[in-house]
C-alpha atoms as a PDB file:
ATOM      1  CA  MET A   1     163.155  -1.759 118.332  1.00  0.00           C
ATOM      2  CA  ARG A   2     159.728  -2.280 116.225  1.00  0.00           C
ATOM      3  CA  PHE A   3     156.448  -1.297 116.455  1.00  0.00           C
ATOM      4  CA  ARG A   4     153.223  -0.868 114.466  1.00  0.00           C
ATOM      5  CA  ARG A   5     151.803   2.477 112.012  1.00  0.00           C
ATOM      6  CA  THR A   6     149.572   3.094 108.936  1.00  0.00           C
ATOM      7  CA  PHE A   7     151.685   5.233 106.870  1.00  0.00           C
ATOM      8  CA  ILE A   8     149.772   7.738 104.509  1.00  0.00           C
ATOM      9  CA  PHE A   9     151.709   9.607 100.871  1.00  0.00           C
ATOM     10  CA  VAL A  10     149.497  12.266  99.766  1.00  0.00           C
ATOM     11  CA  ASP A  11     150.568  14.501  96.743  1.00  0.00           C
ATOM     12  CA  LEU A  12     148.853  17.305  94.969  1.00  0.00           C
ATOM     13  CA  SER A  13     148.584  15.431  91.104  1.00  0.00           C
ATOM     14  CA  GLY A  14     149.270  18.058  88.494  1.00  0.00           C
ATOM     15  CA  PHE A  15     150.980  20.775  90.564  1.00  0.00           C
ATOM     16  CA  THR A  16     154.018  21.466  88.641  1.00  0.00           C
ATOM     17  CA  THR A  17     151.567  22.112  85.745  1.00  0.00           C
ATOM     18  CA  PHE A  18     149.604  24.218  87.625  1.00  0.00           C
ATOM     19  CA  THR A  19     152.095  26.514  89.135  1.00  0.00           C
ATOM     20  CA  GLU A  20     153.254  26.327  85.376  1.00  0.00           C
ATOM     21  CA  GLN A  21     150.600  27.611  84.086  1.00  0.00           C
ATOM     22  CA  HIS A  22     148.877  29.775  87.130  1.00  0.00           C
ATOM     23  CA  GLY A  23     151.845  31.605  88.046  1.00  0.00           C
ATOM     24  CA  ASP A  24     153.887  30.565  91.682  1.00  0.00           C
ATOM     25  CA  GLY A  25     151.521  33.152  93.434  1.00  0.00           C
ATOM     26  CA  THR A  26     148.467  31.081  91.910  1.00  0.00           C
ATOM     27  CA  ALA A  27     149.778  27.510  93.139  1.00  0.00           C
ATOM     28  CA  ALA A  28     150.709  29.016  96.763  1.00  0.00           C
ATOM     29  CA  GLN A  29     147.180  29.869  97.797  1.00  0.00           C
ATOM     30  CA  ILE A  30     146.224  26.219  96.594  1.00  0.00           C
ATOM     31  CA  LEU A  31     148.980  24.989  98.567  1.00  0.00           C
ATOM     32  CA  SER A  32     148.087  26.594 101.392  1.00  0.00           C
ATOM     33  CA  LYS A  33     144.510  25.638 101.199  1.00  0.00           C
ATOM     34  CA  PHE A  34     145.994  21.828 101.076  1.00  0.00           C
ATOM     35  CA  ARG A  35     148.332  22.015 104.502  1.00  0.00           C
ATOM     36  CA  ALA A  36     145.270  24.147 106.134  1.00  0.00           C
ATOM     37  CA  VAL A  37     142.935  21.379 105.030  1.00  0.00           C
ATOM     38  CA  ALA A  38     145.105  18.076 106.124  1.00  0.00           C
ATOM     39  CA  ARG A  39     146.419  20.056 109.866  1.00  0.00           C
ATOM     40  CA  ALA A  40     142.641  20.265 110.155  1.00  0.00           C
ATOM     41  CA  VAL A  41     141.747  16.389 109.447  1.00  0.00           C
ATOM     42  CA  GLY A  42     144.416  15.481 110.562  1.00  0.00           C
ATOM     43  CA  SER A  43     144.069  16.770 114.320  1.00  0.00           C
ATOM     44  CA  HIS A  44     140.416  15.511 114.404  1.00  0.00           C
ATOM     45  CA  GLN A  45     141.529  12.349 113.301  1.00  0.00           C
ATOM     46  CA  GLY A  46     144.176  12.103 115.530  1.00  0.00           C
ATOM     47  CA  VAL A  47     146.843  11.448 113.112  1.00  0.00           C
ATOM     48  CA  ARG A  48     150.453  13.554 112.565  1.00  0.00           C
ATOM     49  CA  ILE A  49     151.353  14.913 109.598  1.00  0.00           C
ATOM     50  CA  ASP A  50     155.065  14.135 109.922  1.00  0.00           C
ATOM     51  CA  LYS A  51     156.710  15.917 107.181  1.00  0.00           C
ATOM     52  CA  TYR A  52     155.250  18.049 103.864  1.00  0.00           C
ATOM     53  CA  LEU A  53     157.632  17.282 100.857  1.00  0.00           C
ATOM     54  CA  GLY A  54     156.450  19.479  98.747  1.00  0.00           C
ATOM     55  CA  ASP A  55     153.758  19.396  97.260  1.00  0.00           C
ATOM     56  CA  GLY A  56     152.761  16.278  99.321  1.00  0.00           C
ATOM     57  CA  LEU A  57     152.543  14.878 102.811  1.00  0.00           C
ATOM     58  CA  MET A  58     153.791  12.209 105.216  1.00  0.00           C
ATOM     59  CA  ALA A  59     151.518  11.411 107.554  1.00  0.00           C
ATOM     60  CA  VAL A  60     151.088   8.702 110.282  1.00  0.00           C
ATOM     61  CA  ALA A  61     148.391   6.699 112.128  1.00  0.00           C
ATOM     62  CA  VAL A  62     148.293   4.600 114.857  1.00  0.00           C
ATOM     63  CA  GLU A  63     145.410   2.821 114.304  1.00  0.00           C
ATOM     64  CA  ALA A  64     145.016   1.659 110.417  1.00  0.00           C
ATOM     65  CA  HIS A  65     141.723   2.416 111.059  1.00  0.00           C
ATOM     66  CA  ASP A  66     142.421   6.366 112.107  1.00  0.00           C
ATOM     67  CA  GLY A  67     145.171   7.224 109.090  1.00  0.00           C
ATOM     68  CA  ILE A  68     142.354   5.378 106.307  1.00  0.00           C
ATOM     69  CA  THR A  69     139.514   7.413 107.505  1.00  0.00           C
ATOM     70  CA  PHE A  70     142.557  10.798 107.707  1.00  0.00           C
ATOM     71  CA  ALA A  71     143.563  10.149 103.688  1.00  0.00           C
ATOM     72  CA  MET A  72     139.315   9.315 102.316  1.00  0.00           C
ATOM     73  CA  GLU A  73     138.783  12.864 104.583  1.00  0.00           C
ATOM     74  CA  LEU A  74     141.527  14.917 103.303  1.00  0.00           C
ATOM     75  CA  GLN A  75     139.952  13.713  99.367  1.00  0.00           C
ATOM     76  CA  ARG A  76     137.044  14.566 100.348  1.00  0.00           C
ATOM     77  CA  HIS A  77     138.039  18.199 101.528  1.00  0.00           C
ATOM     78  CA  ALA A  78     141.068  18.855  99.591  1.00  0.00           C
ATOM     79  CA  ALA A  79     138.293  18.290  96.485  1.00  0.00           C
ATOM     80  CA  VAL A  80     136.699  21.383  97.150  1.00  0.00           C
ATOM     81  CA  ALA A  81     139.770  23.355  98.832  1.00  0.00           C
ATOM     82  CA  CYS A  82     141.641  22.214  96.428  1.00  0.00           C
ATOM     83  CA  ALA A  83     140.245  22.430  92.929  1.00  0.00           C
ATOM     84  CA  PRO A  84     140.895  21.578  90.225  1.00  0.00           C
ATOM     85  CA  LEU A  85     143.634  19.874  91.643  1.00  0.00           C
ATOM     86  CA  SER A  86     143.073  16.045  93.024  1.00  0.00           C
ATOM     87  CA  LEU A  87     145.026  13.625  94.946  1.00  0.00           C
ATOM     88  CA  ARG A  88     147.783  10.734  94.964  1.00  0.00           C
ATOM     89  CA  ILE A  89     147.560   9.233  98.213  1.00  0.00           C
ATOM     90  CA  GLY A  90     149.495   6.363  98.605  1.00  0.00           C
ATOM     91  CA  ILE A  91     148.624   3.907 102.139  1.00  0.00           C
ATOM     92  CA  ALA A  92     150.069   0.585 104.173  1.00  0.00           C
ATOM     93  CA  SER A  93     150.658  -0.200 107.807  1.00  0.00           C
ATOM     94  CA  GLY A  94     152.937  -2.544 108.777  1.00  0.00           C
ATOM     95  CA  ASP A  95     156.689  -2.996 111.329  1.00  0.00           C
ATOM     96  CA  THR A  96     158.302   0.411 111.124  1.00  0.00           C
ATOM     97  CA  MET A  97     161.043   1.866 113.157  1.00  0.00           C
ATOM     98  CA  LEU A  98     162.163   5.315 114.100  1.00  0.00           C
ATOM     99  CA  PHE A  99     165.850   6.031 112.690  1.00  0.00           C
ATOM    100  CA  GLU A 100     168.088   9.019 114.901  1.00  0.00           C
ATOM    101  CA  GLY A 101     164.481  10.316 116.452  1.00  0.00           C
ATOM    102  CA  GLN A 102     163.360  11.545 112.679  1.00  0.00           C
ATOM    103  CA  ASP A 103     163.335   9.018 110.223  1.00  0.00           C
ATOM    104  CA  TYR A 104     161.072   5.602 109.880  1.00  0.00           C
ATOM    105  CA  ILE A 105     162.304   2.926 108.454  1.00  0.00           C
ATOM    106  CA  GLY A 106     160.628  -0.559 106.682  1.00  0.00           C
ATOM    107  CA  TRP A 107     158.658  -2.094 104.173  1.00  0.00           C
ATOM    108  CA  ALA A 108     155.163   0.045 105.449  1.00  0.00           C
ATOM    109  CA  ALA A 109     156.593   3.421 105.007  1.00  0.00           C
ATOM    110  CA  ASN A 110     158.358   2.713 101.500  1.00  0.00           C
ATOM    111  CA  MET A 111     155.338   0.983  99.990  1.00  0.00           C
ATOM    112  CA  ALA A 112     152.613   3.477 101.016  1.00  0.00           C
ATOM    113  CA  ALA A 113     155.219   6.478  99.620  1.00  0.00           C
ATOM    114  CA  ARG A 114     155.112   3.923  95.824  1.00  0.00           C
ATOM    115  CA  LEU A 115     151.610   3.266  95.909  1.00  0.00           C
ATOM    116  CA  CYS A 116     151.424   7.099  96.088  1.00  0.00           C
ATOM    117  CA  ASP A 117     153.341   7.190  93.595  1.00  0.00           C
ATOM    118  CA  ALA A 118     151.023   4.753  91.448  1.00  0.00           C
ATOM    119  CA  ALA A 119     147.416   6.335  92.456  1.00  0.00           C
ATOM    120  CA  SER A 120     147.415   8.888  89.726  1.00  0.00           C
ATOM    121  CA  GLY A 121     144.288   8.880  88.206  1.00  0.00           C
ATOM    122  CA  VAL A 122     142.986   6.696  91.390  1.00  0.00           C
ATOM    123  CA  GLY A 123     142.628   8.264  94.245  1.00  0.00           C
ATOM    124  CA  ALA A 124     143.727   5.763  97.227  1.00  0.00           C
ATOM    125  CA  LEU A 125     145.762   2.405  96.742  1.00  0.00           C
ATOM    126  CA  LEU A 126     146.467   0.200  99.855  1.00  0.00           C
ATOM    127  CA  PRO A 127     147.986  -3.726  99.709  1.00  0.00           C
ATOM    128  CA  ALA A 128     144.613  -5.482  98.648  1.00  0.00           C
ATOM    129  CA  GLU A 129     145.235  -7.863 101.820  1.00  0.00           C
ATOM    130  CA  GLN A 130     145.167  -4.730 104.230  1.00  0.00           C
ATOM    131  CA  ALA A 131     141.928  -4.075 102.627  1.00  0.00           C
ATOM    132  CA  VAL A 132     139.867  -5.827 106.387  1.00  0.00           C
ATOM    133  CA  ASN A 133     137.855  -3.941 108.533  1.00  0.00           C
ATOM    134  CA  LEU A 134     138.076  -0.535 106.574  1.00  0.00           C
ATOM    135  CA  PRO A 135     136.532   1.975 107.915  1.00  0.00           C
ATOM    136  CA  VAL A 136     132.836   1.777 107.443  1.00  0.00           C
ATOM    137  CA  GLY A 137     131.334   3.747 104.627  1.00  0.00           C
ATOM    138  CA  LEU A 138     134.132   2.529 103.139  1.00  0.00           C
ATOM    139  CA  THR A 139     134.968   0.572  99.538  1.00  0.00           C
ATOM    140  CA  ALA A 140     137.645  -1.788  98.348  1.00  0.00           C
ATOM    141  CA  LEU A 141     137.547  -1.748  94.450  1.00  0.00           C
ATOM    142  CA  GLY A 142     139.471  -4.436  92.277  1.00  0.00           C
ATOM    143  CA  HIS A 143     142.482  -2.694  90.552  1.00  0.00           C
ATOM    144  CA  PRO A 144     145.091  -4.435  88.219  1.00  0.00           C
ATOM    145  CA  PRO A 145     148.375  -5.892  90.450  1.00  0.00           C
ATOM    146  CA  VAL A 146     150.706  -2.900  89.975  1.00  0.00           C
ATOM    147  CA  GLU A 147     154.679  -2.998  89.499  1.00  0.00           C
ATOM    148  CA  LEU A 148     156.441  -0.853  92.345  1.00  0.00           C
ATOM    149  CA  PRO A 149     160.269   0.732  92.280  1.00  0.00           C
ATOM    150  CA  GLY A 150     162.122  -1.410  94.838  1.00  0.00           C
ATOM    151  CA  PHE A 151     159.416  -4.825  95.057  1.00  0.00           C
ATOM    152  CA  GLU A 152     159.627  -7.178  93.211  1.00  0.00           C
ATOM    153  CA  GLY A 153     156.870  -8.866  90.914  1.00  0.00           C
ATOM    154  CA  LEU A 154     153.521  -7.002  90.849  1.00  0.00           C
ATOM    155  CA  VAL A 155     151.645  -5.504  94.163  1.00  0.00           C
ATOM    156  CA  GLU A 156     147.884  -6.271  94.106  1.00  0.00           C
ATOM    157  CA  VAL A 157     146.133  -3.707  95.404  1.00  0.00           C
ATOM    158  CA  VAL A 158     142.511  -1.630  95.679  1.00  0.00           C
ATOM    159  CA  ALA A 159     141.429   1.072  95.058  1.00  0.00           C
ATOM    160  CA  LEU A 160     139.400   3.129  98.483  1.00  0.00           C
ATOM    161  CA  ALA A 161     136.176   4.496  97.285  1.00  0.00           C
ATOM    162  CA  GLY A 162     133.683   6.368  99.154  1.00  0.00           C
ATOM    163  CA  GLU A 163     132.737   8.655 102.327  1.00  0.00           C
ATOM    164  CA  PRO A 164     134.055   6.946 106.036  1.00  0.00           C
ATOM    165  CA  LEU A 165     131.664   7.133 108.418  1.00  0.00           C
ATOM    166  CA  ILE A 166     132.347   9.435 110.964  1.00  0.00           C
ATOM    167  CA  ASP A 167     130.260  10.100 114.228  1.00  0.00           C
ATOM    168  CA  GLY A 168     129.666  14.123 115.058  1.00  0.00           C
ATOM    169  CA  ARG A 169     131.095  14.568 111.184  1.00  0.00           C
ATOM    170  CA  TYR A 170     132.682  17.602 111.931  1.00  0.00           C
ATOM    171  CA  ASP A 171     132.976  20.681 109.778  1.00  0.00           C
ATOM    172  CA  ILE A 172     136.122  22.738 108.244  1.00  0.00           C
ATOM    173  CA  ASN A 173     134.118  24.745 106.298  1.00  0.00           C
ATOM    174  CA  GLU A 174     136.288  28.445 108.477  1.00  0.00           C
ATOM    175  CA  VAL A 175     139.488  26.376 107.432  1.00  0.00           C
ATOM    176  CA  LEU A 176     138.387  26.140 103.065  1.00  0.00           C
ATOM    177  CA  LEU A 177     136.346  29.562 103.594  1.00  0.00           C
ATOM    178  CA  GLY A 178     139.304  31.533 105.112  1.00  0.00           C
ATOM    179  CA  ALA A 179     141.911  33.419 103.271  1.00  0.00           C
ATOM    180  CA  PRO A 180     145.157  31.004 103.086  1.00  0.00           C
ATOM    181  CA  PHE A 181     148.755  32.658 104.795  1.00  0.00           C
ATOM    182  CA  VAL A 182     151.144  33.479 102.053  1.00  0.00           C
ATOM    183  CA  SER A 183     154.158  35.047 102.216  1.00  0.00           C
END
C-alpha cells in the first residue's frame, strides 16, 4: 500500500571537522543539543523523527506544510543551539511504502536524502515543483539545478528562506539552556 508523506533529511554541516578540532566530548554536547531541539520542534509540529543518522536525522510528516515548517523552525533554533555548526536540509513529498514496518521506500525519501547532501551552504532545498502553498513567512529562492546521484539529469530545486508564521509561537529556551545529557 502506498501513501503520501513528506520526508525531511537533516545533517549538521561540518560536524566531522568540528569533532576533530574540539574533541568528542564537545561534539557530543552539540549533538545532544541538536537532538533535543529536533525533538521539541518535532513534537510541536506533529512531525515524527523516524531515525537519527549519526549527526543527522530523518523525519516524516503527514502534511507537507508541517514538514516544511518543522525543517525551517529546526534550522532557526539550531542556529543558536548548535553554533557554530549549521544545518543542511532536504525536503520532498510523494508516495511511499513502508517496508517491513520500519523503512520507507520511494522517490520522495530518496530525493530528500540527496537534496540534504546537496544543500551545503544553502540551508534547505526542495524540488521546485513542490514549492507551492508554502507556509506563510517562507519564500522559495531561485537556485541552480542540481545533479543528484541516482536521478537522471538536472533536478530543478529552490532554496527556502524566512520564518514560518506559527500561531502562538512556542519557546523552547529551556531545551536550549538546559544541560545536555552526555554519558
